[in-house]
């Protein structure tokens, strides 16, 4: 199975002229890639750096800050051998690429750490007419921190996390979807990520986005998400 997966990934890589094309295709057509394929592709440091460059640009845009994209690109080009032709093509497509990634909620690559969420038997959350929903909880086991929330947020405004701990991100997920989150691993709770949570999506959709990445195991048992 592993050889077959590698062969498929190699065939997919051969469809493009370079890693730049692969990153653009991942951003524009993530549905064409399995979690395993994305994990293998982004394991390449240069490919991941290209992806992170777009993430950094999007983070600045979401936060209302100005960022010199050309300067960021020149910095990247100085570290890697980029041909004039490739540089020209990349510059011409950056605007479309950044626009595409702004519409995506998956900005979760930082310091080489990524997240996998595996969900089984999830039932859609129902909301009463008065807006009240079940309380949510974030708990960290083994003498760590436990955080409780009595209400679930109903705002549909996306929440951008820039280099924030996973514990804080999952607290927002718990507040938004009325689930309980338990950390069985202190190190996982302190893992820092870049991620944009879109409350207009269902929990399954958010999980599907996070499931693109792989490093941490999150198991769902009813209304509880266990993070190992």
Protein backbone atom coordinates (compact mmCIF):
# COMPACT_ATOMS: atom_id res chain seq x y z
CA UNK A 1 0.00 0.00 0.00
CA UNK A 2 2.83 2.40 0.85
CA UNK A 3 4.57 1.72 -2.48
CA UNK A 4 1.31 2.25 -4.32
CA UNK A 5 0.73 5.56 -2.50
CA UNK A 6 4.26 6.73 -3.28
CA UNK A 7 3.80 5.83 -6.94
CA UNK A 8 0.58 7.84 -7.10
CA UNK A 9 2.24 10.80 -5.43
CA UNK A 10 5.15 10.63 -7.89
CA UNK A 11 2.74 10.60 -10.82
CA UNK A 12 0.92 13.61 -9.37
CA UNK A 13 4.21 15.49 -8.89
CA UNK A 14 5.23 14.75 -12.50
CA UNK A 15 2.12 16.55 -13.75
CA UNK A 16 3.62 19.87 -12.74
CA UNK A 17 6.75 21.72 -13.77
CA UNK A 18 7.87 22.41 -10.23
CA UNK A 19 6.97 22.56 -6.56
CA UNK A 20 5.41 25.99 -7.10
CA UNK A 21 2.77 24.48 -9.37
CA UNK A 22 2.10 21.75 -6.83
CA UNK A 23 1.51 24.28 -4.03
CA UNK A 24 -0.81 26.34 -6.23
CA UNK A 25 -2.79 23.24 -7.17
CA UNK A 26 -3.07 22.18 -3.52
CA UNK A 27 -4.47 25.61 -2.63
CA UNK A 28 -6.90 25.75 -5.54
CA UNK A 29 -7.93 22.07 -5.61
CA UNK A 30 -7.39 20.48 -2.17
CA UNK A 31 -10.12 17.96 -2.93
CA UNK A 32 -7.79 16.27 -5.42
CA UNK A 33 -5.39 15.17 -2.68
CA UNK A 34 -5.71 12.57 0.05
CA UNK A 35 -4.44 13.38 3.57
CA UNK A 36 -1.57 10.96 2.99
CA UNK A 37 -0.56 12.68 -0.24
CA UNK A 38 -0.65 16.14 1.36
CA UNK A 39 1.40 14.91 4.31
CA UNK A 40 4.06 13.49 2.00
CA UNK A 41 4.16 16.56 -0.27
CA UNK A 42 4.37 19.03 2.63
CA UNK A 43 7.10 16.96 4.28
CA UNK A 44 9.46 18.55 1.75
CA UNK A 45 10.96 21.60 3.48
CA UNK A 46 11.01 23.82 0.38
CA UNK A 47 7.44 22.96 -0.57
CA UNK A 48 6.29 23.65 2.99
CA UNK A 49 8.14 26.99 2.98
CA UNK A 50 6.32 28.06 -0.18
CA UNK A 51 3.03 27.10 1.47
CA UNK A 52 3.96 28.96 4.66
CA UNK A 53 4.81 32.08 2.63
CA UNK A 54 1.22 32.21 1.40
CA UNK A 55 -0.06 31.49 4.91
CA UNK A 56 2.00 34.36 6.31
CA UNK A 57 0.61 36.70 3.68
CA UNK A 58 -2.95 35.61 4.43
CA UNK A 59 -2.41 36.04 8.17
CA UNK A 60 -1.31 39.63 7.65
CA UNK A 61 -4.31 40.36 5.43
CA UNK A 62 -6.75 38.84 7.94
CA UNK A 63 -5.20 40.83 10.77
CA UNK A 64 -5.49 44.07 8.80
CA UNK A 65 -1.74 44.57 8.63
CA UNK A 66 0.34 45.56 5.65
CA UNK A 67 2.90 43.09 4.35
CA UNK A 68 5.47 43.58 1.61
CA UNK A 69 4.78 40.45 -0.43
CA UNK A 70 7.54 41.32 -2.90
CA UNK A 71 10.05 41.55 -0.05
CA UNK A 72 8.92 38.20 1.30
CA UNK A 73 9.30 36.69 -2.15
CA UNK A 74 12.77 38.19 -2.62
CA UNK A 75 13.82 36.70 0.72
CA UNK A 76 12.58 33.29 -0.37
CA UNK A 77 14.24 33.63 -3.80
CA UNK A 78 17.57 34.50 -2.19
CA UNK A 79 17.47 31.24 -0.24
CA UNK A 80 16.50 29.09 -3.21
CA UNK A 81 17.57 28.97 -6.85
CA UNK A 82 14.59 30.45 -8.69
CA UNK A 83 14.89 30.96 -12.44
CA UNK A 84 13.79 34.34 -13.94
CA UNK A 85 11.05 32.57 -15.89
CA UNK A 86 9.73 30.81 -12.80
CA UNK A 87 9.92 34.00 -10.76
CA UNK A 88 7.89 35.83 -13.40
CA UNK A 89 5.25 33.11 -13.54
CA UNK A 90 5.04 32.97 -9.76
CA UNK A 91 4.64 36.74 -9.42
CA UNK A 92 1.88 36.70 -12.01
CA UNK A 93 -0.07 34.07 -10.14
CA UNK A 94 0.55 35.19 -6.55
CA UNK A 95 -2.48 37.50 -6.40
CA UNK A 96 -4.82 34.69 -7.44
CA UNK A 97 -3.10 32.29 -5.06
CA UNK A 98 -3.39 34.61 -2.09
CA UNK A 99 -7.03 35.32 -2.93
CA UNK A 100 -7.67 31.59 -3.02
CA UNK A 101 -6.02 30.93 0.31
CA UNK A 102 -7.93 33.76 1.99
CA UNK A 103 -11.10 31.80 1.30
CA UNK A 104 -9.64 28.71 2.91
CA UNK A 105 -9.78 28.02 6.62
CA UNK A 106 -6.81 25.70 6.60
CA UNK A 107 -3.78 27.65 7.74
CA UNK A 108 -2.30 25.18 10.16
CA UNK A 109 1.38 24.69 9.44
CA UNK A 110 3.94 25.96 11.95
CA UNK A 111 7.40 24.84 13.04
CA UNK A 112 7.01 21.55 11.23
CA UNK A 113 4.07 20.46 13.39
CA UNK A 114 0.73 19.47 11.93
CA UNK A 115 -2.54 18.04 13.22
CA UNK A 116 -4.71 15.06 12.38
CA UNK A 117 -8.29 14.77 13.64
CA UNK A 118 -10.06 11.44 13.31
CA UNK A 119 -13.81 11.51 14.02
CA UNK A 120 -16.16 8.55 14.22
CA UNK A 121 -19.89 8.57 14.73
CA UNK A 122 -20.29 12.35 15.03
CA UNK A 123 -23.87 13.54 15.34
CA UNK A 124 -24.81 17.06 14.13
CA UNK A 125 -25.28 19.58 16.91
CA UNK A 126 -28.77 21.05 17.22
CA UNK A 127 -29.40 24.63 18.35
CA UNK A 128 -32.58 25.71 20.13
CA UNK A 129 -34.60 28.68 18.88
CA UNK A 130 -33.42 30.83 21.80
CA UNK A 131 -29.80 30.18 20.83
CA UNK A 132 -28.94 28.19 23.99
CA UNK A 133 -26.79 25.10 23.53
CA UNK A 134 -24.97 22.62 25.71
CA UNK A 135 -21.91 23.76 27.69
CA UNK A 136 -18.45 23.06 26.31
CA UNK A 137 -15.31 22.00 28.11
CA UNK A 138 -11.59 21.92 27.39
CA UNK A 139 -9.70 19.68 29.79
CA UNK A 140 -6.00 18.85 29.96
CA UNK A 141 -5.27 15.68 31.90
CA UNK A 142 -2.17 14.61 33.86
CA UNK A 143 -2.08 17.64 36.17
CA UNK A 144 -2.60 20.17 33.42
CA UNK A 145 -5.16 22.94 32.94
CA UNK A 146 -8.93 22.49 32.70
CA UNK A 147 -11.02 25.22 31.07
CA UNK A 148 -14.82 25.37 31.13
CA UNK A 149 -17.32 27.36 29.07
CA UNK A 150 -21.03 27.68 29.86
CA UNK A 151 -22.19 28.93 26.48
CA UNK A 152 -21.53 28.31 22.82
CA UNK A 153 -20.76 31.25 20.54
CA UNK A 154 -23.18 31.88 17.68
CA UNK A 155 -21.05 34.41 15.76
CA UNK A 156 -20.17 33.39 12.21
CA UNK A 157 -17.09 35.61 12.09
CA UNK A 158 -13.93 33.59 11.32
CA UNK A 159 -11.36 33.46 14.10
CA UNK A 160 -7.69 33.69 13.06
CA UNK A 161 -5.07 32.06 15.29
CA UNK A 162 -1.49 33.17 14.64
CA UNK A 163 1.10 31.00 16.34
CA UNK A 164 -1.40 30.17 19.10
CA UNK A 165 -1.32 27.05 21.32
CA UNK A 166 -3.53 24.15 20.29
CA UNK A 167 -5.25 24.38 23.68
CA UNK A 168 -6.56 27.86 22.82
CA UNK A 169 -7.67 26.77 19.35
CA UNK A 170 -9.54 23.75 20.68
CA UNK A 171 -11.15 25.93 23.38
CA UNK A 172 -12.64 28.00 20.56
CA UNK A 173 -13.77 24.81 18.79
CA UNK A 174 -15.40 23.64 22.03
CA UNK A 175 -17.16 26.98 22.52
CA UNK A 176 -18.35 27.04 18.92
CA UNK A 177 -19.64 23.49 18.54
CA UNK A 178 -20.62 22.57 22.09
CA UNK A 179 -18.18 19.69 22.47
CA UNK A 180 -15.81 18.68 25.24
CA UNK A 181 -12.09 18.61 24.48
CA UNK A 182 -9.67 16.58 26.60
CA UNK A 183 -5.90 16.76 26.26
CA UNK A 184 -4.14 13.55 27.28
CA UNK A 185 -0.80 15.03 26.22
CA UNK A 186 0.58 18.24 27.76
CA UNK A 187 2.97 18.77 24.86
CA UNK A 188 0.09 18.63 22.39
CA UNK A 189 -1.76 21.33 24.35
CA UNK A 190 1.20 23.71 24.02
CA UNK A 191 1.75 23.07 20.29
CA UNK A 192 1.59 26.39 18.39
CA UNK A 193 -0.24 26.62 15.06
CA UNK A 194 -1.51 29.02 12.43
CA UNK A 195 -5.20 28.29 11.84
CA UNK A 196 -8.36 30.12 10.77
CA UNK A 197 -11.55 28.71 12.29
CA UNK A 198 -14.68 29.42 10.27
CA UNK A 199 -17.76 29.01 12.54
CA UNK A 200 -20.07 28.92 9.50
CA UNK A 201 -18.72 25.44 8.74
CA UNK A 202 -19.99 22.31 10.42
CA UNK A 203 -17.79 20.47 12.90
CA UNK A 204 -17.35 17.71 10.33
CA UNK A 205 -16.05 20.26 7.81
CA UNK A 206 -13.63 21.75 10.33
CA UNK A 207 -12.44 18.26 11.19
CA UNK A 208 -12.06 17.50 7.49
CA UNK A 209 -9.75 20.51 7.11
CA UNK A 210 -7.63 19.64 10.11
CA UNK A 211 -7.53 16.04 8.95
CA UNK A 212 -5.35 17.20 6.07
CA UNK A 213 -2.44 17.32 8.48
CA UNK A 214 -0.83 14.63 10.58
CA UNK A 215 1.07 14.70 13.87
CA UNK A 216 -1.46 14.72 16.71
CA UNK A 217 -4.21 12.12 17.20
CA UNK A 218 -7.65 13.44 18.20
CA UNK A 219 -10.33 10.82 18.83
CA UNK A 220 -14.04 11.54 19.19
CA UNK A 221 -16.13 9.58 21.65
CA UNK A 222 -19.68 10.90 21.47
CA UNK A 223 -19.49 14.57 22.44
CA UNK A 224 -15.87 14.34 23.59
CA UNK A 225 -12.70 14.99 21.57
CA UNK A 226 -9.69 13.22 23.10
CA UNK A 227 -6.28 14.57 22.07
CA UNK A 228 -3.40 12.13 22.60
